[in-house]
N, C-alpha and C. Protein backbone atom coordinates (compact mmCIF):
# COMPACT_ATOMS: atom_id res chain seq x y z
N MET A 1 97.34 115.23 86.21
CA MET A 1 97.08 114.78 87.57
C MET A 1 98.27 113.96 88.09
N SER A 2 98.69 114.23 89.30
CA SER A 2 99.81 113.51 89.92
C SER A 2 99.32 112.64 91.06
N LYS A 3 100.16 111.69 91.42
CA LYS A 3 99.92 110.87 92.60
C LYS A 3 100.85 111.37 93.69
N ILE A 4 100.27 111.85 94.78
CA ILE A 4 101.05 112.49 95.83
C ILE A 4 100.89 111.73 97.15
N LEU A 5 102.02 111.42 97.74
CA LEU A 5 102.07 110.76 99.05
C LEU A 5 102.32 111.83 100.10
N ILE A 6 101.54 111.79 101.18
CA ILE A 6 101.70 112.75 102.27
C ILE A 6 101.90 111.98 103.57
N THR A 7 102.95 112.34 104.32
CA THR A 7 103.08 111.81 105.68
C THR A 7 102.53 112.86 106.64
N SER A 8 101.87 112.42 107.70
CA SER A 8 101.14 113.36 108.55
C SER A 8 101.08 112.85 109.98
N GLY A 9 100.98 113.82 110.91
CA GLY A 9 100.77 113.48 112.31
C GLY A 9 102.04 113.05 113.02
N PRO A 10 101.91 112.66 114.28
CA PRO A 10 103.05 112.20 115.07
C PRO A 10 103.24 110.70 114.94
N THR A 11 104.30 110.19 115.50
CA THR A 11 104.44 108.75 115.71
C THR A 11 104.70 108.51 117.19
N ARG A 12 104.59 107.26 117.60
CA ARG A 12 104.80 106.90 119.00
C ARG A 12 105.88 105.83 119.09
N GLN A 13 106.75 105.99 120.06
CA GLN A 13 107.78 104.97 120.34
C GLN A 13 107.56 104.48 121.77
N TYR A 14 107.17 103.24 121.90
CA TYR A 14 106.76 102.71 123.20
C TYR A 14 107.94 102.39 124.10
N LEU A 15 107.73 102.69 125.40
CA LEU A 15 108.69 102.32 126.45
C LEU A 15 108.32 100.98 127.07
N ASP A 16 107.01 100.79 127.21
CA ASP A 16 106.45 99.55 127.74
C ASP A 16 105.06 99.41 127.11
N PRO A 17 104.26 98.43 127.47
CA PRO A 17 102.97 98.26 126.78
C PRO A 17 101.99 99.42 126.89
N VAL A 18 102.22 100.37 127.82
CA VAL A 18 101.24 101.45 128.01
C VAL A 18 101.83 102.85 127.86
N ARG A 19 103.14 103.00 127.88
CA ARG A 19 103.77 104.32 127.84
C ARG A 19 104.58 104.48 126.55
N TYR A 20 104.60 105.72 126.08
CA TYR A 20 105.34 105.97 124.84
C TYR A 20 105.87 107.40 124.79
N ILE A 21 106.84 107.62 123.90
CA ILE A 21 107.37 108.95 123.61
C ILE A 21 106.67 109.44 122.34
N THR A 22 106.26 110.71 122.33
CA THR A 22 105.62 111.25 121.14
C THR A 22 105.76 112.77 121.15
N ASN A 23 104.98 113.46 120.35
CA ASN A 23 104.94 114.93 120.36
C ASN A 23 103.51 115.37 120.12
N SER A 24 103.29 116.68 120.06
CA SER A 24 101.93 117.22 120.01
C SER A 24 101.41 117.47 118.60
N SER A 25 102.04 116.91 117.59
CA SER A 25 101.56 117.10 116.22
C SER A 25 100.11 116.62 116.10
N SER A 26 99.27 117.46 115.48
CA SER A 26 97.84 117.16 115.39
C SER A 26 97.42 116.52 114.08
N GLY A 27 98.26 116.63 113.04
CA GLY A 27 97.88 116.17 111.71
C GLY A 27 97.10 117.19 110.91
N ARG A 28 96.84 118.38 111.49
CA ARG A 28 96.05 119.39 110.77
C ARG A 28 96.72 119.84 109.48
N MET A 29 98.04 120.04 109.53
CA MET A 29 98.74 120.52 108.34
C MET A 29 98.68 119.47 107.24
N GLY A 30 98.89 118.22 107.59
CA GLY A 30 98.79 117.15 106.61
C GLY A 30 97.40 117.05 106.02
N CYS A 31 96.39 117.24 106.88
CA CYS A 31 95.00 117.20 106.43
C CYS A 31 94.73 118.31 105.42
N CYS A 32 95.18 119.52 105.74
CA CYS A 32 94.95 120.67 104.85
C CYS A 32 95.73 120.51 103.53
N LEU A 33 96.94 119.98 103.61
CA LEU A 33 97.71 119.74 102.39
C LEU A 33 97.03 118.70 101.50
N ALA A 34 96.47 117.67 102.13
CA ALA A 34 95.76 116.65 101.36
C ALA A 34 94.56 117.26 100.64
N GLN A 35 93.80 118.10 101.34
CA GLN A 35 92.64 118.73 100.72
C GLN A 35 93.06 119.64 99.57
N ALA A 36 94.15 120.37 99.76
CA ALA A 36 94.64 121.26 98.70
C ALA A 36 95.08 120.46 97.48
N CYS A 37 95.74 119.34 97.70
CA CYS A 37 96.18 118.50 96.58
C CYS A 37 94.98 117.92 95.83
N ILE A 38 93.98 117.48 96.58
CA ILE A 38 92.76 116.94 95.96
C ILE A 38 92.06 118.03 95.15
N SER A 39 92.04 119.24 95.69
CA SER A 39 91.40 120.36 94.98
C SER A 39 92.09 120.68 93.66
N HIS A 40 93.38 120.36 93.58
CA HIS A 40 94.13 120.54 92.34
C HIS A 40 93.98 119.35 91.39
N GLY A 41 93.20 118.36 91.81
CA GLY A 41 92.93 117.22 90.95
C GLY A 41 93.87 116.05 91.09
N HIS A 42 94.66 116.02 92.17
CA HIS A 42 95.64 114.96 92.34
C HIS A 42 95.11 113.81 93.19
N ASP A 43 95.66 112.63 92.98
CA ASP A 43 95.37 111.48 93.83
C ASP A 43 96.26 111.55 95.06
N VAL A 44 95.70 111.29 96.22
CA VAL A 44 96.44 111.47 97.47
C VAL A 44 96.32 110.23 98.35
N VAL A 45 97.47 109.80 98.86
CA VAL A 45 97.52 108.78 99.91
C VAL A 45 98.24 109.39 101.10
N ILE A 46 97.65 109.25 102.28
CA ILE A 46 98.22 109.80 103.51
C ILE A 46 98.69 108.65 104.39
N VAL A 47 99.96 108.68 104.78
CA VAL A 47 100.47 107.77 105.79
C VAL A 47 100.49 108.55 107.09
N SER A 48 99.60 108.20 108.00
CA SER A 48 99.38 109.02 109.19
C SER A 48 99.61 108.27 110.49
N GLY A 49 100.26 108.96 111.41
CA GLY A 49 100.33 108.49 112.78
C GLY A 49 99.01 108.74 113.48
N PRO A 50 98.92 108.42 114.77
CA PRO A 50 97.65 108.56 115.51
C PRO A 50 97.22 110.03 115.64
N VAL A 51 96.08 110.36 115.09
CA VAL A 51 95.55 111.73 115.14
C VAL A 51 94.05 111.69 115.37
N ALA A 52 93.49 112.86 115.76
CA ALA A 52 92.04 112.99 115.94
C ALA A 52 91.37 113.65 114.75
N VAL A 53 92.15 114.26 113.86
CA VAL A 53 91.55 114.96 112.72
C VAL A 53 90.93 113.96 111.74
N GLU A 54 89.95 114.44 111.00
CA GLU A 54 89.34 113.63 109.95
C GLU A 54 89.92 114.07 108.61
N TYR A 55 90.58 113.15 107.93
CA TYR A 55 91.19 113.46 106.66
C TYR A 55 90.14 113.54 105.56
N PRO A 56 90.44 114.23 104.45
CA PRO A 56 89.46 114.38 103.37
C PRO A 56 88.98 113.03 102.85
N VAL A 57 87.71 112.98 102.51
CA VAL A 57 87.11 111.74 102.01
C VAL A 57 87.82 111.24 100.76
N GLY A 58 88.32 112.16 99.95
CA GLY A 58 88.96 111.77 98.70
C GLY A 58 90.35 111.19 98.82
N ALA A 59 90.90 111.15 100.04
CA ALA A 59 92.25 110.62 100.25
C ALA A 59 92.20 109.22 100.84
N GLU A 60 93.12 108.38 100.41
CA GLU A 60 93.30 107.07 101.05
C GLU A 60 94.21 107.27 102.26
N VAL A 61 93.82 106.74 103.41
CA VAL A 61 94.59 106.92 104.64
C VAL A 61 95.14 105.58 105.12
N ILE A 62 96.44 105.56 105.34
CA ILE A 62 97.10 104.38 105.88
C ILE A 62 97.57 104.73 107.29
N SER A 63 97.02 104.09 108.28
CA SER A 63 97.32 104.41 109.67
C SER A 63 98.52 103.61 110.17
N VAL A 64 99.43 104.31 110.83
CA VAL A 64 100.60 103.67 111.43
C VAL A 64 100.75 104.21 112.85
N VAL A 65 101.65 103.61 113.60
CA VAL A 65 101.90 104.07 114.97
C VAL A 65 103.34 104.55 115.14
N SER A 66 104.30 103.71 114.81
CA SER A 66 105.70 104.03 115.06
C SER A 66 106.37 104.66 113.84
N THR A 67 107.53 105.25 114.06
CA THR A 67 108.31 105.81 112.96
C THR A 67 108.72 104.72 111.99
N GLU A 68 109.08 103.56 112.51
CA GLU A 68 109.47 102.45 111.63
C GLU A 68 108.32 102.03 110.73
N GLU A 69 107.10 102.00 111.28
CA GLU A 69 105.93 101.66 110.47
C GLU A 69 105.66 102.73 109.41
N MET A 70 105.83 104.00 109.78
CA MET A 70 105.64 105.08 108.81
C MET A 70 106.64 104.95 107.67
N LEU A 71 107.89 104.69 108.01
CA LEU A 71 108.91 104.53 106.98
C LEU A 71 108.61 103.33 106.09
N SER A 72 108.22 102.22 106.70
CA SER A 72 107.93 101.01 105.92
C SER A 72 106.82 101.24 104.90
N LYS A 73 105.73 101.88 105.33
CA LYS A 73 104.62 102.16 104.41
C LYS A 73 105.02 103.19 103.35
N ALA A 74 105.78 104.20 103.75
CA ALA A 74 106.22 105.21 102.79
C ALA A 74 107.11 104.58 101.73
N LEU A 75 108.00 103.69 102.14
CA LEU A 75 108.87 103.01 101.18
C LEU A 75 108.07 102.11 100.24
N GLU A 76 107.01 101.52 100.76
CA GLU A 76 106.17 100.65 99.94
C GLU A 76 105.45 101.44 98.85
N TYR A 77 104.96 102.63 99.20
CA TYR A 77 104.14 103.40 98.28
C TYR A 77 104.92 104.37 97.40
N PHE A 78 106.02 104.91 97.90
CA PHE A 78 106.72 106.00 97.20
C PHE A 78 107.11 105.67 95.76
N PRO A 79 107.57 104.46 95.45
CA PRO A 79 107.94 104.17 94.05
C PRO A 79 106.77 104.32 93.07
N LEU A 80 105.54 104.26 93.55
CA LEU A 80 104.36 104.36 92.70
C LEU A 80 103.85 105.79 92.56
N PHE A 81 104.52 106.74 93.23
CA PHE A 81 104.02 108.11 93.31
C PHE A 81 104.97 109.09 92.63
N ASP A 82 104.42 110.25 92.29
CA ASP A 82 105.22 111.30 91.65
C ASP A 82 106.01 112.11 92.66
N GLY A 83 105.48 112.24 93.86
CA GLY A 83 106.17 113.03 94.87
C GLY A 83 105.63 112.79 96.25
N VAL A 84 106.34 113.31 97.25
CA VAL A 84 105.93 113.14 98.64
C VAL A 84 106.06 114.48 99.35
N ILE A 85 105.09 114.76 100.24
CA ILE A 85 105.14 115.91 101.12
C ILE A 85 105.26 115.38 102.54
N GLY A 86 106.37 115.66 103.19
CA GLY A 86 106.63 115.12 104.52
C GLY A 86 106.16 116.06 105.62
N ALA A 87 104.86 116.08 105.85
CA ALA A 87 104.29 116.96 106.87
C ALA A 87 104.22 116.30 108.25
N ALA A 88 104.58 115.03 108.35
CA ALA A 88 104.54 114.34 109.64
C ALA A 88 105.63 114.86 110.57
N ALA A 89 105.44 114.62 111.84
CA ALA A 89 106.47 114.91 112.85
C ALA A 89 106.82 113.60 113.55
N PRO A 90 107.56 112.74 112.85
CA PRO A 90 107.89 111.45 113.46
C PRO A 90 108.73 111.62 114.72
N CYS A 91 108.52 110.74 115.68
CA CYS A 91 109.32 110.74 116.89
C CYS A 91 110.76 110.41 116.51
N ASP A 92 111.70 111.26 116.90
CA ASP A 92 113.08 111.12 116.46
C ASP A 92 113.89 110.13 117.27
N TYR A 93 113.37 109.74 118.44
CA TYR A 93 114.12 108.84 119.31
C TYR A 93 113.24 107.69 119.79
N GLN A 94 113.89 106.58 120.08
CA GLN A 94 113.20 105.42 120.63
C GLN A 94 114.08 104.78 121.71
N PRO A 95 113.47 104.11 122.67
CA PRO A 95 114.28 103.46 123.70
C PRO A 95 115.06 102.28 123.12
N THR A 96 116.22 102.05 123.67
CA THR A 96 117.02 100.92 123.20
C THR A 96 116.37 99.58 123.57
N LYS A 97 115.57 99.61 124.64
CA LYS A 97 114.89 98.39 125.07
C LYS A 97 113.42 98.70 125.30
N LEU A 98 112.56 97.81 124.87
CA LEU A 98 111.12 97.91 125.11
C LEU A 98 110.75 96.92 126.21
N ALA A 99 110.26 97.45 127.32
CA ALA A 99 109.88 96.58 128.43
C ALA A 99 108.66 95.76 128.05
N SER A 100 108.68 94.48 128.34
CA SER A 100 107.56 93.61 127.99
C SER A 100 106.38 93.77 128.95
N ARG A 101 106.64 94.31 130.13
CA ARG A 101 105.60 94.56 131.12
C ARG A 101 105.63 96.03 131.53
N LYS A 102 104.49 96.50 132.07
CA LYS A 102 104.42 97.89 132.52
C LYS A 102 105.50 98.15 133.57
N ILE A 103 106.23 99.25 133.36
CA ILE A 103 107.25 99.65 134.33
C ILE A 103 106.56 100.18 135.58
N THR A 104 106.82 99.57 136.72
CA THR A 104 106.13 99.95 137.95
C THR A 104 106.98 100.92 138.77
N LYS A 105 106.30 101.74 139.57
CA LYS A 105 107.00 102.69 140.43
C LYS A 105 107.76 101.96 141.54
N THR A 106 108.95 102.46 141.83
CA THR A 106 109.76 101.87 142.90
C THR A 106 110.15 102.91 143.93
N GLY A 107 109.74 104.19 143.70
CA GLY A 107 110.17 105.25 144.60
C GLY A 107 111.49 105.86 144.19
N GLU A 108 112.09 105.33 143.12
CA GLU A 108 113.36 105.84 142.62
C GLU A 108 113.18 106.25 141.16
N GLY A 109 114.06 107.12 140.71
CA GLY A 109 114.02 107.53 139.31
C GLY A 109 114.52 106.43 138.39
N ILE A 110 114.21 106.58 137.11
CA ILE A 110 114.73 105.64 136.11
C ILE A 110 115.44 106.43 135.02
N SER A 111 116.32 105.78 134.33
CA SER A 111 117.04 106.39 133.21
C SER A 111 116.62 105.70 131.92
N LEU A 112 116.50 106.48 130.87
CA LEU A 112 116.15 105.93 129.58
C LEU A 112 117.32 106.08 128.63
N ASP A 113 117.68 105.00 127.96
CA ASP A 113 118.68 105.05 126.89
C ASP A 113 117.93 105.13 125.58
N LEU A 114 118.18 106.20 124.82
CA LEU A 114 117.47 106.42 123.57
C LEU A 114 118.41 106.39 122.38
N ILE A 115 117.91 105.92 121.26
CA ILE A 115 118.65 105.96 120.01
C ILE A 115 117.76 106.63 118.96
N GLU A 116 118.36 107.14 117.90
CA GLU A 116 117.59 107.80 116.86
C GLU A 116 116.75 106.80 116.07
N THR A 117 115.59 107.24 115.66
CA THR A 117 114.76 106.46 114.75
C THR A 117 115.17 106.78 113.31
N PRO A 118 114.77 105.97 112.34
CA PRO A 118 115.09 106.26 110.95
C PRO A 118 114.45 107.58 110.50
N ASP A 119 115.10 108.29 109.60
CA ASP A 119 114.58 109.53 109.06
C ASP A 119 113.76 109.23 107.81
N VAL A 120 112.46 109.40 107.90
CA VAL A 120 111.56 109.00 106.82
C VAL A 120 111.84 109.78 105.53
N ILE A 121 111.86 111.11 105.61
CA ILE A 121 112.02 111.92 104.41
C ILE A 121 113.43 111.82 103.85
N ALA A 122 114.44 111.74 104.70
CA ALA A 122 115.81 111.57 104.21
C ALA A 122 115.95 110.26 103.45
N THR A 123 115.29 109.22 103.94
CA THR A 123 115.34 107.93 103.26
C THR A 123 114.68 108.00 101.89
N LEU A 124 113.50 108.63 101.82
CA LEU A 124 112.81 108.76 100.54
C LEU A 124 113.59 109.67 99.59
N GLY A 125 114.15 110.76 100.12
CA GLY A 125 114.94 111.64 99.29
C GLY A 125 116.15 110.95 98.70
N GLY A 126 116.72 110.02 99.46
CA GLY A 126 117.90 109.31 99.00
C GLY A 126 117.62 108.31 97.90
N ILE A 127 116.36 107.91 97.73
CA ILE A 127 116.04 106.91 96.70
C ILE A 127 115.16 107.47 95.58
N LYS A 128 114.85 108.77 95.64
CA LYS A 128 113.93 109.32 94.63
C LYS A 128 114.54 109.24 93.24
N ARG A 129 113.69 108.99 92.28
CA ARG A 129 114.11 108.96 90.88
C ARG A 129 114.17 110.39 90.34
N PRO A 130 114.81 110.59 89.19
CA PRO A 130 114.86 111.93 88.60
C PRO A 130 113.48 112.52 88.31
N ASP A 131 112.48 111.65 88.11
CA ASP A 131 111.13 112.15 87.81
C ASP A 131 110.27 112.31 89.06
N GLN A 132 110.86 112.14 90.23
CA GLN A 132 110.12 112.30 91.48
C GLN A 132 110.61 113.53 92.23
N TRP A 133 109.77 114.04 93.13
CA TRP A 133 110.15 115.20 93.94
C TRP A 133 109.81 114.95 95.41
N VAL A 134 110.50 115.69 96.27
CA VAL A 134 110.33 115.56 97.72
C VAL A 134 110.22 116.95 98.34
N VAL A 135 109.17 117.16 99.13
CA VAL A 135 109.01 118.40 99.88
C VAL A 135 109.04 118.05 101.37
N GLY A 136 109.98 118.65 102.09
CA GLY A 136 110.12 118.36 103.51
C GLY A 136 109.61 119.50 104.38
N PHE A 137 109.57 119.25 105.67
CA PHE A 137 109.22 120.26 106.67
C PHE A 137 110.35 120.37 107.68
N ALA A 138 110.62 121.58 108.12
CA ALA A 138 111.62 121.81 109.16
C ALA A 138 110.99 122.67 110.25
N LEU A 139 110.89 122.12 111.44
CA LEU A 139 110.37 122.86 112.60
C LEU A 139 111.55 123.13 113.52
N GLU A 140 111.92 124.40 113.66
CA GLU A 140 113.13 124.75 114.41
C GLU A 140 112.83 125.76 115.51
N THR A 141 113.68 125.77 116.54
CA THR A 141 113.57 126.75 117.62
C THR A 141 114.71 127.76 117.58
N ASP A 142 115.75 127.50 116.79
CA ASP A 142 116.87 128.44 116.66
C ASP A 142 117.59 128.17 115.34
N ASP A 143 118.38 129.13 114.90
CA ASP A 143 119.12 129.03 113.64
C ASP A 143 118.21 128.51 112.52
N HIS A 144 117.01 129.09 112.44
CA HIS A 144 115.94 128.58 111.60
C HIS A 144 116.38 128.33 110.15
N HIS A 145 116.88 129.35 109.49
CA HIS A 145 117.19 129.21 108.07
C HIS A 145 118.35 128.25 107.83
N PHE A 146 119.39 128.38 108.63
CA PHE A 146 120.55 127.51 108.45
C PHE A 146 120.16 126.05 108.60
N LYS A 147 119.40 125.74 109.65
CA LYS A 147 119.02 124.34 109.88
C LYS A 147 118.06 123.83 108.81
N ALA A 148 117.15 124.68 108.36
CA ALA A 148 116.21 124.26 107.32
C ALA A 148 116.94 123.98 106.00
N ILE A 149 117.83 124.85 105.63
CA ILE A 149 118.58 124.66 104.37
C ILE A 149 119.46 123.43 104.46
N THR A 150 120.10 123.24 105.62
CA THR A 150 120.93 122.05 105.82
C THR A 150 120.09 120.79 105.68
N LYS A 151 118.88 120.80 106.27
CA LYS A 151 117.99 119.65 106.17
C LYS A 151 117.58 119.40 104.73
N ALA A 152 117.24 120.46 104.02
CA ALA A 152 116.82 120.31 102.62
C ALA A 152 117.90 119.65 101.80
N GLN A 153 119.14 120.06 102.01
CA GLN A 153 120.25 119.49 101.25
C GLN A 153 120.54 118.06 101.66
N ARG A 154 120.54 117.81 102.98
CA ARG A 154 120.86 116.47 103.48
C ARG A 154 119.79 115.46 103.10
N LYS A 155 118.53 115.91 103.06
CA LYS A 155 117.43 115.00 102.78
C LYS A 155 117.05 114.98 101.29
N CYS A 156 117.82 115.68 100.46
CA CYS A 156 117.57 115.72 99.01
C CYS A 156 116.17 116.25 98.69
N CYS A 157 115.74 117.27 99.45
CA CYS A 157 114.43 117.87 99.22
C CYS A 157 114.50 118.88 98.07
N ASP A 158 113.45 118.94 97.29
CA ASP A 158 113.34 119.94 96.25
C ASP A 158 112.85 121.27 96.82
N LEU A 159 112.05 121.19 97.87
CA LEU A 159 111.59 122.35 98.62
C LEU A 159 111.48 121.94 100.09
N ILE A 160 111.58 122.92 100.99
CA ILE A 160 111.37 122.62 102.40
C ILE A 160 110.57 123.74 103.04
N VAL A 161 109.60 123.34 103.87
CA VAL A 161 108.72 124.28 104.56
C VAL A 161 109.31 124.55 105.94
N LEU A 162 109.65 125.80 106.20
CA LEU A 162 110.20 126.19 107.50
C LEU A 162 109.11 126.79 108.37
N ASN A 163 108.90 126.21 109.54
CA ASN A 163 108.00 126.79 110.54
C ASN A 163 108.60 126.59 111.92
N ASP A 164 107.96 127.13 112.97
CA ASP A 164 108.55 126.96 114.29
C ASP A 164 107.58 126.23 115.21
N VAL A 165 107.97 126.12 116.47
CA VAL A 165 107.24 125.28 117.42
C VAL A 165 105.80 125.74 117.64
N SER A 166 105.51 127.00 117.37
CA SER A 166 104.14 127.50 117.55
C SER A 166 103.14 126.82 116.61
N ALA A 167 103.64 126.15 115.58
CA ALA A 167 102.76 125.48 114.62
C ALA A 167 102.16 124.19 115.17
N ILE A 168 102.81 123.61 116.17
CA ILE A 168 102.36 122.31 116.68
C ILE A 168 101.01 122.44 117.36
N ASP A 169 100.07 121.58 116.96
CA ASP A 169 98.72 121.52 117.53
C ASP A 169 98.00 122.87 117.46
N SER A 170 98.32 123.65 116.43
CA SER A 170 97.67 124.95 116.24
C SER A 170 96.85 124.92 114.97
N LYS A 171 95.84 125.77 114.88
CA LYS A 171 95.05 125.89 113.67
C LYS A 171 95.69 126.88 112.68
N HIS A 172 96.74 127.55 113.12
CA HIS A 172 97.40 128.55 112.29
C HIS A 172 98.86 128.19 112.08
N ASN A 173 99.44 128.76 111.06
CA ASN A 173 100.85 128.51 110.78
C ASN A 173 101.45 129.72 110.07
N GLU A 174 102.72 129.90 110.26
CA GLU A 174 103.48 130.93 109.56
C GLU A 174 104.72 130.26 108.99
N ILE A 175 104.85 130.27 107.68
CA ILE A 175 105.90 129.47 107.04
C ILE A 175 106.70 130.27 106.03
N GLU A 176 107.88 129.75 105.75
CA GLU A 176 108.65 130.15 104.58
C GLU A 176 108.91 128.87 103.78
N LEU A 177 108.73 128.95 102.49
CA LEU A 177 109.00 127.82 101.61
C LEU A 177 110.33 128.10 100.92
N LEU A 178 111.32 127.25 101.21
CA LEU A 178 112.68 127.49 100.76
C LEU A 178 113.14 126.45 99.75
N GLN A 179 113.98 126.91 98.84
CA GLN A 179 114.69 126.00 97.95
C GLN A 179 115.99 125.55 98.64
N PRO A 180 116.62 124.48 98.17
CA PRO A 180 117.84 123.99 98.84
C PRO A 180 118.98 125.00 98.87
N ASP A 181 118.96 125.99 97.96
CA ASP A 181 120.01 127.01 97.98
C ASP A 181 119.68 128.15 98.93
N GLY A 182 118.55 128.06 99.63
CA GLY A 182 118.17 129.07 100.59
C GLY A 182 117.21 130.12 100.06
N SER A 183 116.92 130.09 98.76
CA SER A 183 115.99 131.06 98.18
C SER A 183 114.59 130.84 98.73
N CYS A 184 113.92 131.91 99.11
CA CYS A 184 112.55 131.83 99.62
C CYS A 184 111.58 132.06 98.47
N VAL A 185 110.71 131.09 98.22
CA VAL A 185 109.75 131.21 97.12
C VAL A 185 108.34 131.53 97.63
N LEU A 186 108.15 131.47 98.94
CA LEU A 186 106.84 131.78 99.52
C LEU A 186 107.00 132.10 100.99
N GLN A 187 106.33 133.14 101.45
CA GLN A 187 106.24 133.47 102.86
C GLN A 187 104.79 133.83 103.14
N VAL A 188 104.16 133.06 104.04
CA VAL A 188 102.74 133.26 104.26
C VAL A 188 102.38 132.87 105.68
N ALA A 189 101.37 133.54 106.24
CA ALA A 189 100.85 133.21 107.57
C ALA A 189 99.33 133.19 107.49
N GLY A 190 98.73 132.33 108.32
CA GLY A 190 97.27 132.28 108.35
C GLY A 190 96.76 130.93 108.79
N ASP A 191 95.49 130.70 108.54
CA ASP A 191 94.89 129.40 108.79
C ASP A 191 95.66 128.32 108.03
N LYS A 192 95.81 127.15 108.66
CA LYS A 192 96.64 126.11 108.04
C LYS A 192 96.13 125.70 106.66
N CYS A 193 94.82 125.73 106.45
CA CYS A 193 94.31 125.35 105.13
C CYS A 193 94.64 126.42 104.08
N GLN A 194 94.62 127.68 104.48
CA GLN A 194 95.03 128.74 103.58
C GLN A 194 96.51 128.60 103.24
N VAL A 195 97.32 128.35 104.27
CA VAL A 195 98.76 128.17 104.06
C VAL A 195 99.02 126.97 103.15
N ALA A 196 98.30 125.87 103.39
CA ALA A 196 98.46 124.67 102.58
C ALA A 196 98.12 124.94 101.12
N ASP A 197 97.06 125.70 100.86
CA ASP A 197 96.68 126.03 99.49
C ASP A 197 97.82 126.73 98.76
N GLU A 198 98.49 127.65 99.45
CA GLU A 198 99.57 128.40 98.82
C GLU A 198 100.81 127.53 98.62
N ILE A 199 101.08 126.65 99.58
CA ILE A 199 102.20 125.73 99.41
C ILE A 199 101.98 124.83 98.21
N VAL A 200 100.79 124.26 98.11
CA VAL A 200 100.50 123.34 97.01
C VAL A 200 100.50 124.07 95.67
N ALA A 201 100.08 125.33 95.65
CA ALA A 201 100.13 126.11 94.42
C ALA A 201 101.57 126.24 93.92
N ILE A 202 102.52 126.45 94.85
CA ILE A 202 103.93 126.54 94.46
C ILE A 202 104.46 125.18 94.01
N ILE A 203 104.08 124.13 94.72
CA ILE A 203 104.48 122.78 94.30
C ILE A 203 103.96 122.50 92.89
N GLN A 204 102.73 122.91 92.64
CA GLN A 204 102.11 122.71 91.33
C GLN A 204 102.90 123.43 90.24
N SER A 205 103.28 124.67 90.49
CA SER A 205 103.92 125.48 89.44
C SER A 205 105.41 125.19 89.28
N THR A 206 106.06 124.70 90.34
CA THR A 206 107.51 124.50 90.24
C THR A 206 107.95 123.04 90.11
N LEU A 207 107.16 122.12 90.64
CA LEU A 207 107.57 120.72 90.63
C LEU A 207 106.69 119.82 89.77
N ILE A 208 105.38 120.08 89.76
CA ILE A 208 104.47 119.22 89.00
C ILE A 208 104.34 119.67 87.56
N CYS A 209 104.13 120.96 87.35
CA CYS A 209 103.98 121.50 85.99
C CYS A 209 104.91 122.69 85.78
N PRO A 210 106.24 122.48 85.85
CA PRO A 210 107.17 123.60 85.82
C PRO A 210 107.24 124.33 84.48
N ASN A 211 106.79 123.71 83.42
CA ASN A 211 106.93 124.31 82.10
C ASN A 211 105.64 124.92 81.57
N ILE A 212 104.61 124.95 82.43
CA ILE A 212 103.32 125.50 81.98
C ILE A 212 103.23 126.96 82.41
């Protein structure tokens, strides 16, 4: 039995007390991956952004809002775990300034200065021990394989799940599971829970119990 950390859902980066930047990630994939890991007998902790899905009863859920909070909790827990599956879609940008009051309409447009948020999985990949593993996700709209492989290498992932924008807020997914050298070890489409079962089966056979 392994201890598996899963990041799931979106994050929010606030512009003012009521407005924020985010994306349409539903947390469904993270939920299905958690259930698949539990079904394999593993202990699961989910670090999740704001979602409407109900995570499996057998998983511990740590709720966060921002990308910084997700990274902070992931860094706190990761040293105690055997591996991490980065199924979250953290907001990649944040405003340089957070308005302390609601931004009011003036009849004119406004400009936003944005900077990148920390990369959660790249940070964890950079500190993983030899006995730990990292599985990332890559959602791309073009140059799919090249960008996914580049991400896997840059983030020190042992495997990376490639999917496209149609996966966001959908009950279905179509993925390729790639090694950092570009080799495809799984290609599957279907209900997200079915897809998650097959992903976790590969993680089980290649990363958790590679010699069995």
